[in-house]
Amino acid sequence: MIFAGIYATKYKNDCLIMNSDGEVLFNAFTIFNNKESFDELYQKIKSCSTDLSKIKVGLETIGY
Protein backbone atom coordinates (compact mmCIF):
# COMPACT_ATOMS: atom_id res chain seq x y z
CA MET A 1 0.00 0.00 0.00
CA ILE A 2 1.15 3.54 -0.78
CA PHE A 3 0.09 6.46 1.41
CA ALA A 4 0.14 10.13 0.38
CA GLY A 5 -0.35 12.55 3.25
CA ILE A 6 -1.31 16.12 2.46
CA TYR A 7 -1.38 18.94 5.01
CA ALA A 8 -3.52 21.57 3.30
CA THR A 9 -3.54 25.31 3.87
CA LYS A 10 -5.05 28.21 1.96
CA TYR A 11 -2.05 28.84 -0.31
CA LYS A 12 0.06 25.69 -0.25
CA ASN A 13 0.03 22.02 0.68
CA ASP A 14 2.83 20.01 2.28
CA CYS A 15 2.98 16.40 1.10
CA LEU A 16 4.79 13.18 1.93
CA ILE A 17 4.52 9.82 0.17
CA MET A 18 5.45 6.55 1.89
CA ASN A 19 4.71 2.84 1.67
CA SER A 20 3.12 0.57 4.27
CA ASP A 21 6.57 -0.49 5.51
CA GLY A 22 7.25 3.11 6.57
CA GLU A 23 9.75 3.72 3.75
CA VAL A 24 9.57 7.31 2.56
CA LEU A 25 9.21 7.32 -1.22
CA PHE A 26 9.13 11.11 -1.59
CA ASN A 27 10.43 13.31 1.21
CA ALA A 28 8.22 16.20 2.29
CA PHE A 29 7.58 18.60 -0.56
CA THR A 30 5.29 21.57 -1.15
CA ILE A 31 2.71 22.01 -3.86
CA PHE A 32 0.67 25.12 -4.47
CA ASN A 33 -3.04 25.39 -5.17
CA ASN A 34 -2.80 25.33 -8.94
CA LYS A 35 -3.19 22.73 -11.67
CA GLU A 36 0.54 22.42 -12.38
CA SER A 37 1.34 21.57 -8.76
CA PHE A 38 -1.48 19.04 -8.49
CA ASP A 39 -0.32 17.46 -11.76
CA GLU A 40 3.14 17.14 -10.18
CA LEU A 41 1.62 15.49 -7.11
CA TYR A 42 -0.40 13.10 -9.26
CA GLN A 43 2.67 12.09 -11.27
CA LYS A 44 4.65 11.39 -8.10
CA ILE A 45 1.84 9.30 -6.66
CA LYS A 46 1.32 7.45 -9.94
CA SER A 47 5.04 6.64 -10.19
CA CYS A 48 4.86 4.68 -6.93
CA SER A 49 2.45 1.96 -8.11
CA THR A 50 0.87 0.77 -11.33
CA ASP A 51 -2.20 -0.33 -9.35
CA LEU A 52 -3.93 2.90 -8.30
CA SER A 53 -6.28 0.94 -6.02
CA LYS A 54 -3.25 0.37 -3.75
CA ILE A 55 -2.87 4.11 -3.11
CA LYS A 56 -4.55 5.95 -0.24
CA VAL A 57 -4.53 9.74 0.11
CA GLY A 58 -5.13 11.51 3.40
CA LEU A 59 -5.85 15.21 3.67
CA GLU A 60 -5.79 17.38 6.77
CA THR A 61 -6.63 21.08 6.88
CA ILE A 62 -5.87 23.68 9.50
CA GLY A 63 -9.02 25.72 8.91
CA TYR A 64 -7.75 28.86 7.19
C-alpha atoms as a PDB file:
ATOM      1  CA  MET A   1       0.000   0.000   0.000  1.00  0.00           C
ATOM      2  CA  ILE A   2       1.149   3.545  -0.778  1.00  0.00           C
ATOM      3  CA  PHE A   3       0.093   6.464   1.414  1.00  0.00           C
ATOM      4  CA  ALA A   4       0.144  10.129   0.383  1.00  0.00           C
ATOM      5  CA  GLY A   5      -0.352  12.549   3.246  1.00  0.00           C
ATOM      6  CA  ILE A   6      -1.312  16.122   2.464  1.00  0.00           C
ATOM      7  CA  TYR A   7      -1.382  18.944   5.013  1.00  0.00           C
ATOM      8  CA  ALA A   8      -3.523  21.573   3.300  1.00  0.00           C
ATOM      9  CA  THR A   9      -3.544  25.311   3.870  1.00  0.00           C
ATOM     10  CA  LYS A  10      -5.050  28.208   1.955  1.00  0.00           C
ATOM     11  CA  TYR A  11      -2.054  28.842  -0.310  1.00  0.00           C
ATOM     12  CA  LYS A  12       0.061  25.687  -0.252  1.00  0.00           C
ATOM     13  CA  ASN A  13       0.034  22.020   0.684  1.00  0.00           C
ATOM     14  CA  ASP A  14       2.827  20.008   2.285  1.00  0.00           C
ATOM     15  CA  CYS A  15       2.979  16.404   1.096  1.00  0.00           C
ATOM     16  CA  LEU A  16       4.787  13.178   1.929  1.00  0.00           C
ATOM     17  CA  ILE A  17       4.524   9.824   0.170  1.00  0.00           C
ATOM     18  CA  MET A  18       5.446   6.552   1.891  1.00  0.00           C
ATOM     19  CA  ASN A  19       4.711   2.841   1.668  1.00  0.00           C
ATOM     20  CA  SER A  20       3.118   0.569   4.266  1.00  0.00           C
ATOM     21  CA  ASP A  21       6.569  -0.493   5.512  1.00  0.00           C
ATOM     22  CA  GLY A  22       7.251   3.109   6.568  1.00  0.00           C
ATOM     23  CA  GLU A  23       9.750   3.721   3.754  1.00  0.00           C
ATOM     24  CA  VAL A  24       9.567   7.314   2.560  1.00  0.00           C
ATOM     25  CA  LEU A  25       9.214   7.320  -1.219  1.00  0.00           C
ATOM     26  CA  PHE A  26       9.130  11.110  -1.592  1.00  0.00           C
ATOM     27  CA  ASN A  27      10.426  13.314   1.211  1.00  0.00           C
ATOM     28  CA  ALA A  28       8.223  16.198   2.288  1.00  0.00           C
ATOM     29  CA  PHE A  29       7.584  18.603  -0.561  1.00  0.00           C
ATOM     30  CA  THR A  30       5.293  21.566  -1.147  1.00  0.00           C
ATOM     31  CA  ILE A  31       2.712  22.012  -3.857  1.00  0.00           C
ATOM     32  CA  PHE A  32       0.668  25.122  -4.468  1.00  0.00           C
ATOM     33  CA  ASN A  33      -3.037  25.387  -5.173  1.00  0.00           C
ATOM     34  CA  ASN A  34      -2.797  25.328  -8.944  1.00  0.00           C
ATOM     35  CA  LYS A  35      -3.186  22.725 -11.669  1.00  0.00           C
ATOM     36  CA  GLU A  36       0.544  22.416 -12.377  1.00  0.00           C
ATOM     37  CA  SER A  37       1.341  21.565  -8.761  1.00  0.00           C
ATOM     38  CA  PHE A  38      -1.482  19.044  -8.493  1.00  0.00           C
ATOM     39  CA  ASP A  39      -0.319  17.459 -11.761  1.00  0.00           C
ATOM     40  CA  GLU A  40       3.144  17.137 -10.184  1.00  0.00           C
ATOM     41  CA  LEU A  41       1.620  15.486  -7.109  1.00  0.00           C
ATOM     42  CA  TYR A  42      -0.405  13.102  -9.264  1.00  0.00           C
ATOM     43  CA  GLN A  43       2.672  12.090 -11.275  1.00  0.00           C
ATOM     44  CA  LYS A  44       4.651  11.386  -8.095  1.00  0.00           C
ATOM     45  CA  ILE A  45       1.837   9.296  -6.658  1.00  0.00           C
ATOM     46  CA  LYS A  46       1.318   7.449  -9.939  1.00  0.00           C
ATOM     47  CA  SER A  47       5.041   6.638 -10.192  1.00  0.00           C
ATOM     48  CA  CYS A  48       4.857   4.677  -6.929  1.00  0.00           C
ATOM     49  CA  SER A  49       2.448   1.962  -8.106  1.00  0.00           C
ATOM     50  CA  THR A  50       0.873   0.772 -11.333  1.00  0.00           C
ATOM     51  CA  ASP A  51      -2.195  -0.327  -9.351  1.00  0.00           C
ATOM     52  CA  LEU A  52      -3.928   2.898  -8.299  1.00  0.00           C
ATOM     53  CA  SER A  53      -6.285   0.940  -6.015  1.00  0.00           C
ATOM     54  CA  LYS A  54      -3.249   0.367  -3.750  1.00  0.00           C
ATOM     55  CA  ILE A  55      -2.869   4.107  -3.105  1.00  0.00           C
ATOM     56  CA  LYS A  56      -4.547   5.952  -0.238  1.00  0.00           C
ATOM     57  CA  VAL A  57      -4.531   9.736   0.107  1.00  0.00           C
ATOM     58  CA  GLY A  58      -5.127  11.508   3.403  1.00  0.00           C
ATOM     59  CA  LEU A  59      -5.854  15.209   3.673  1.00  0.00           C
ATOM     60  CA  GLU A  60      -5.787  17.384   6.771  1.00  0.00           C
ATOM     61  CA  THR A  61      -6.631  21.082   6.877  1.00  0.00           C
ATOM     62  CA  ILE A  62      -5.872  23.684   9.503  1.00  0.00           C
ATOM     63  CA  GLY A  63      -9.018  25.717   8.907  1.00  0.00           C
ATOM     64  CA  TYR A  64      -7.753  28.859   7.188  1.00  0.00           C
END
